[in-house]
Amino acid sequence: MSGITRRPEIADHQTVDLSGARRVLVFGDVHGNLALLRTQLAEMGYDPRSGDVAISVGDWLDRGPDALAVRDFLAGHQEIRWVRGNHEDILSNACHAGGRFSCDQAAAMLIRNGGDWVLDHLHETENRPDDNVVEFADMLNSAPVAMTVLTPGGHRVGIVHAAVPADSWTDLVDALEGPDPHREEMAFHAMWDRAAADYAIRAAKDGQQQNDLIVPGIDHVFYGHTRTGKRPVRHGNQTWLDTGAYSTGILTMVDIDQWIATASSHY
């Protein structure tokens, strides 16, 4: 784990003021395909020394060849931010007792979902991931479930892995920040739900008018989680970015302010 410092515990929601950045880029699920991510950053002319910041919608791990190499990549890119994806959630449950899934259930789920890399990193005497994997899982899962980002272009943008399981972005934030007894349930659905994504993808395939699915209280929301095919899907003030990097070889990355400017005529 050379170069990696475990990040401090972060609340389930975080507001990040990046209005002073040069650009803020957001990208879809990497799933262990770092070569694609490096290629996209290069093609976008990404330069953190000039003030660029990149944000991941979650799911750094599994399915691709570079699961643990992600830790070294992040050690060299401390400016990159992310929200927790369901694959980070699965790994955390596999490493720790408690939570929605038992360790054994989560371990089986991890392997079924492309996490068989963990079999090469088990504890010498116990049937659990070794300490390096546990430390890495804890670092990945110290990120928020949802992030409100203030962009250089003056936009207020939501980043969450799977869904906004609430009537508005404000309601989601209130639930994740407050003493809501359903907070854990809200966080789970924000990392796992697919209903809105499935609707938006069907509408895009059918050529329907894509402005009837709006999240109030936010300018735009970006997600990963649900594969959209070879192109991202935009519906109302929402965009799904997971173009299936591990299967299609396409990792989608956009400049948030440019994307919203292009999208604004559609809703």
Protein backbone atom coordinates (compact mmCIF):
# COMPACT_ATOMS: atom_id res chain seq x y z
CA MET A 1 0.00 0.00 0.00
CA SER A 2 2.96 2.29 -0.56
CA GLY A 3 1.89 5.91 -1.03
CA ILE A 4 -1.72 5.35 0.05
CA THR A 5 -2.98 7.10 3.15
CA ARG A 6 -6.39 6.10 4.40
CA ARG A 7 -8.64 9.07 3.96
CA PRO A 8 -10.54 10.37 6.98
CA GLU A 9 -14.09 9.22 7.50
CA ILE A 10 -16.45 11.23 5.30
CA ALA A 11 -20.18 11.70 5.72
CA ASP A 12 -22.58 10.01 3.31
CA HIS A 13 -23.02 13.36 1.57
CA GLN A 14 -20.35 15.92 0.84
CA THR A 15 -20.49 19.35 -0.79
CA VAL A 16 -17.35 20.15 -2.78
CA ASP A 17 -16.63 23.66 -4.03
CA LEU A 18 -14.64 23.28 -7.26
CA SER A 19 -15.66 26.66 -8.64
CA GLY A 20 -11.99 27.68 -8.67
CA ALA A 21 -10.91 24.70 -10.80
CA ARG A 22 -10.01 25.07 -14.47
CA ARG A 23 -12.31 22.18 -15.42
CA VAL A 24 -14.21 19.43 -13.62
CA LEU A 25 -14.40 16.12 -15.47
CA VAL A 26 -16.63 13.19 -14.52
CA PHE A 27 -16.19 9.63 -15.74
CA GLY A 28 -18.02 6.32 -15.69
CA ASP A 29 -17.32 2.97 -14.03
CA VAL A 30 -13.67 1.96 -14.46
CA HIS A 31 -13.97 -1.64 -13.21
CA GLY A 32 -10.23 -2.22 -13.11
CA ASN A 33 -9.50 -0.88 -16.60
CA LEU A 34 -6.86 1.71 -15.81
CA ALA A 35 -5.43 1.76 -19.33
CA LEU A 36 -8.76 3.12 -20.59
CA LEU A 37 -8.86 5.71 -17.84
CA ARG A 38 -5.33 6.89 -18.57
CA THR A 39 -6.17 7.10 -22.27
CA GLN A 40 -9.27 9.18 -21.62
CA LEU A 41 -7.46 11.54 -19.28
CA ALA A 42 -4.76 12.04 -21.91
CA GLU A 43 -7.31 12.61 -24.70
CA MET A 44 -9.10 15.20 -22.55
CA GLY A 45 -5.79 16.98 -21.91
CA TYR A 46 -6.25 16.44 -18.19
CA ASP A 47 -3.73 18.46 -16.20
CA PRO A 48 -4.22 18.73 -12.43
CA ARG A 49 -1.25 21.13 -12.24
CA SER A 50 -3.32 23.57 -14.30
CA GLY A 51 -6.35 23.13 -12.03
CA ASP A 52 -8.24 20.21 -13.58
CA VAL A 53 -10.15 17.89 -11.24
CA ALA A 54 -11.71 14.53 -12.12
CA ILE A 55 -14.54 12.73 -10.34
CA SER A 56 -15.47 9.04 -10.55
CA VAL A 57 -19.08 7.88 -10.25
CA GLY A 58 -17.83 4.77 -8.42
CA ASP A 59 -17.06 1.12 -9.20
CA TRP A 60 -13.29 1.31 -9.46
CA LEU A 61 -12.91 -2.45 -9.03
CA ASP A 62 -13.76 -5.91 -10.40
CA ARG A 63 -14.07 -7.40 -13.89
CA GLY A 64 -11.01 -5.64 -15.31
CA PRO A 65 -7.33 -6.57 -14.93
CA ASP A 66 -6.14 -3.76 -12.66
CA ALA A 67 -8.15 -4.07 -9.46
CA LEU A 68 -5.37 -3.50 -6.94
CA ALA A 69 -3.39 -1.26 -9.31
CA VAL A 70 -6.15 1.29 -8.67
CA ARG A 71 -4.61 1.98 -5.24
CA ASP A 72 -1.31 3.03 -6.77
CA PHE A 73 -3.07 5.13 -9.40
CA LEU A 74 -5.03 7.00 -6.71
CA ALA A 75 -1.85 7.47 -4.69
CA GLY A 76 -0.47 9.42 -7.63
CA HIS A 77 -3.68 11.37 -8.21
CA GLN A 78 -4.75 12.71 -4.85
CA GLU A 79 -6.91 15.33 -6.59
CA ILE A 80 -9.26 12.70 -8.03
CA ARG A 81 -12.51 12.31 -6.10
CA TRP A 82 -15.22 9.67 -6.19
CA VAL A 83 -18.50 8.50 -4.72
CA ARG A 84 -19.03 4.98 -3.43
CA GLY A 85 -20.32 2.43 -5.91
CA ASN A 86 -22.04 -0.86 -5.22
CA HIS A 87 -18.80 -2.75 -5.94
CA GLU A 88 -17.01 -0.75 -3.24
CA ASP A 89 -19.97 -1.57 -0.99
CA ILE A 90 -19.68 -5.30 -1.74
CA LEU A 91 -15.94 -5.29 -1.03
CA SER A 92 -16.44 -3.47 2.26
CA ASN A 93 -19.03 -6.03 3.38
CA ALA A 94 -16.69 -8.87 2.37
CA CYS A 95 -13.97 -7.35 4.56
CA HIS A 96 -16.04 -6.55 7.64
CA ALA A 97 -18.73 -8.30 9.64
CA GLY A 98 -22.10 -6.59 9.77
CA GLY A 99 -23.93 -4.47 7.25
CA ARG A 100 -26.63 -5.60 4.85
CA PHE A 101 -24.71 -8.71 3.78
CA SER A 102 -22.73 -11.16 5.87
CA CYS A 103 -19.03 -11.51 5.04
CA ASP A 104 -19.69 -14.88 3.36
CA GLN A 105 -22.63 -13.53 1.34
CA ALA A 106 -20.65 -10.48 0.26
CA ALA A 107 -17.61 -12.61 -0.63
CA ALA A 108 -19.76 -14.84 -2.84
CA MET A 109 -21.41 -11.76 -4.40
CA LEU A 110 -17.99 -10.19 -4.99
CA ILE A 111 -16.74 -13.24 -6.85
CA ARG A 112 -19.96 -13.58 -8.90
CA ASN A 113 -19.63 -9.95 -9.95
CA GLY A 114 -16.09 -10.11 -11.27
CA GLY A 115 -14.23 -9.83 -7.98
CA ASP A 116 -12.42 -13.16 -8.22
CA TRP A 117 -9.14 -11.20 -8.02
CA VAL A 118 -9.68 -11.25 -4.25
CA LEU A 119 -8.94 -15.01 -4.20
CA ASP A 120 -5.28 -14.13 -4.74
CA HIS A 121 -5.34 -11.84 -1.71
CA LEU A 122 -6.79 -13.89 1.13
CA HIS A 123 -5.54 -13.94 4.72
CA GLU A 124 -2.98 -16.72 5.30
CA THR A 125 -4.99 -18.49 7.97
CA GLU A 126 -8.52 -17.08 7.69
CA ASN A 127 -11.01 -17.13 4.83
CA ARG A 128 -11.14 -13.37 4.42
CA PRO A 129 -9.27 -10.70 2.41
CA ASP A 130 -5.81 -9.87 3.71
CA ASP A 131 -5.01 -6.66 5.54
CA ASN A 132 -3.85 -4.82 2.41
CA VAL A 133 -7.22 -5.41 0.74
CA VAL A 134 -9.08 -4.42 3.91
CA GLU A 135 -7.11 -1.18 4.13
CA PHE A 136 -7.76 -0.44 0.46
CA ALA A 137 -11.48 -1.22 0.84
CA ASP A 138 -11.69 1.14 3.81
CA MET A 139 -10.00 3.91 1.85
CA LEU A 140 -12.35 3.51 -1.13
CA ASN A 141 -15.40 3.42 1.14
CA SER A 142 -14.44 6.55 3.07
CA ALA A 143 -15.81 8.51 0.11
CA PRO A 144 -19.39 9.86 0.27
CA VAL A 145 -22.41 8.11 -1.22
CA ALA A 146 -23.45 11.37 -2.89
CA MET A 147 -21.60 14.55 -3.72
CA THR A 148 -22.84 18.04 -4.53
CA VAL A 149 -20.27 19.79 -6.71
CA LEU A 150 -20.04 23.51 -7.43
CA THR A 151 -18.41 23.85 -10.85
CA PRO A 152 -16.31 26.58 -12.50
CA GLY A 153 -19.27 27.36 -14.78
CA GLY A 154 -21.51 28.13 -11.81
CA HIS A 155 -23.47 24.87 -11.91
CA ARG A 156 -24.57 22.88 -8.91
CA VAL A 157 -24.22 19.22 -9.83
CA GLY A 158 -25.02 15.94 -8.12
CA ILE A 159 -22.79 12.87 -8.35
CA VAL A 160 -24.16 9.53 -7.11
CA HIS A 161 -23.48 6.01 -8.29
CA ALA A 162 -26.91 4.59 -9.09
CA ALA A 163 -29.98 6.66 -8.25
CA VAL A 164 -31.66 9.50 -6.40
CA PRO A 165 -34.13 7.44 -4.33
CA ALA A 166 -36.01 10.53 -3.13
CA ASP A 167 -38.38 13.17 -4.46
CA SER A 168 -35.56 15.70 -4.92
CA TRP A 169 -31.81 16.12 -4.52
CA THR A 170 -32.50 18.15 -1.38
CA ASP A 171 -34.47 15.26 0.13
CA LEU A 172 -31.62 12.85 -0.65
CA VAL A 173 -29.07 15.17 0.96
CA ASP A 174 -31.26 15.71 4.03
CA ALA A 175 -31.65 11.95 4.50
CA LEU A 176 -27.94 11.25 4.08
CA GLU A 177 -26.86 14.08 6.38
CA GLY A 178 -29.54 13.87 9.05
CA PRO A 179 -30.64 11.44 11.75
CA ASP A 180 -33.19 9.90 9.39
CA PRO A 181 -33.85 6.33 10.57
CA HIS A 182 -33.91 5.31 6.91
CA ARG A 183 -30.48 6.78 6.20
CA GLU A 184 -28.81 3.41 5.67
CA GLU A 185 -31.65 2.30 3.41
CA MET A 186 -31.37 5.54 1.41
CA ALA A 187 -27.62 5.06 0.98
CA PHE A 188 -28.13 1.48 -0.17
CA HIS A 189 -30.65 2.46 -2.85
CA ALA A 190 -28.45 5.37 -3.97
CA MET A 191 -25.69 2.84 -4.69
CA TRP A 192 -27.85 0.03 -6.11
CA ASP A 193 -31.16 1.10 -7.72
CA ARG A 194 -31.71 0.89 -11.49
CA ALA A 195 -35.37 1.82 -12.09
CA ALA A 196 -34.81 5.38 -13.34
CA ALA A 197 -31.82 4.29 -15.42
CA ASP A 198 -33.80 1.49 -17.05
CA TYR A 199 -36.59 3.94 -17.89
CA ALA A 200 -34.17 6.47 -19.40
CA ILE A 201 -32.38 3.84 -21.46
CA ARG A 202 -35.66 2.46 -22.82
CA ALA A 203 -36.79 5.99 -23.71
CA ALA A 204 -33.52 6.65 -25.53
CA LYS A 205 -33.86 3.45 -27.55
CA ASP A 206 -37.47 4.29 -28.43
CA GLY A 207 -36.55 7.83 -29.48
CA GLN A 208 -38.92 9.36 -26.92
CA GLN A 209 -38.73 13.00 -25.83
CA GLN A 210 -36.18 12.95 -23.06
CA ASN A 211 -37.27 15.69 -20.71
CA ASP A 212 -39.86 14.11 -18.43
CA LEU A 213 -37.44 12.70 -15.84
CA ILE A 214 -36.20 15.61 -13.74
CA VAL A 215 -34.52 15.63 -10.33
CA PRO A 216 -35.61 18.87 -8.59
CA GLY A 217 -33.17 20.89 -6.51
CA ILE A 218 -30.07 20.37 -8.64
CA ASP A 219 -28.85 21.50 -12.06
CA HIS A 220 -27.76 18.06 -13.25
CA VAL A 221 -27.02 14.60 -11.83
CA PHE A 222 -24.40 12.14 -13.09
CA TYR A 223 -24.56 8.38 -12.46
CA GLY A 224 -22.77 5.16 -13.34
CA HIS A 225 -23.90 1.64 -12.38
CA THR A 226 -26.29 0.78 -15.22
CA ARG A 227 -24.68 0.04 -18.56
CA THR A 228 -26.08 2.20 -21.33
CA GLY A 229 -24.39 0.64 -24.37
CA LYS A 230 -21.63 2.41 -26.25
CA ARG A 231 -22.88 5.92 -25.48
CA PRO A 232 -24.00 7.68 -22.31
CA VAL A 233 -27.71 8.32 -21.90
CA ARG A 234 -29.07 11.76 -21.02
CA HIS A 235 -32.64 12.21 -19.87
CA GLY A 236 -33.95 15.46 -18.42
CA ASN A 237 -31.30 16.81 -16.07
CA GLN A 238 -29.68 13.40 -15.59
CA THR A 239 -26.86 11.53 -17.35
CA TRP A 240 -25.81 7.89 -17.03
CA LEU A 241 -22.14 7.41 -17.89
CA ASP A 242 -21.46 3.68 -17.56
CA THR A 243 -20.66 2.59 -21.11
CA GLY A 244 -19.35 -0.78 -19.94
CA ALA A 245 -15.60 -0.19 -20.03
CA TYR A 246 -14.78 -3.81 -19.19
CA SER A 247 -16.92 -5.22 -22.04
CA THR A 248 -17.08 -2.47 -24.70
CA GLY A 249 -13.65 -0.94 -24.21
CA ILE A 250 -15.35 2.46 -23.95
CA LEU A 251 -14.93 4.61 -20.86
CA THR A 252 -17.00 7.79 -20.99
CA MET A 253 -15.59 11.03 -19.58
CA VAL A 254 -17.12 14.49 -19.96
CA ASP A 255 -16.38 18.05 -18.99
CA ILE A 256 -19.32 18.80 -16.68
CA ASP A 257 -19.87 22.43 -17.65
CA GLN A 258 -19.60 21.72 -21.38
CA TRP A 259 -21.97 18.76 -21.07
CA ILE A 260 -24.61 20.78 -19.25
CA ALA A 261 -24.34 23.61 -21.75
CA THR A 262 -24.98 21.13 -24.55
CA ALA A 263 -27.77 19.43 -22.61
CA SER A 264 -29.62 22.59 -21.59
CA SER A 265 -31.55 22.81 -24.86
CA HIS A 266 -33.06 19.37 -24.26
CA TYR A 267 -34.97 20.10 -21.04
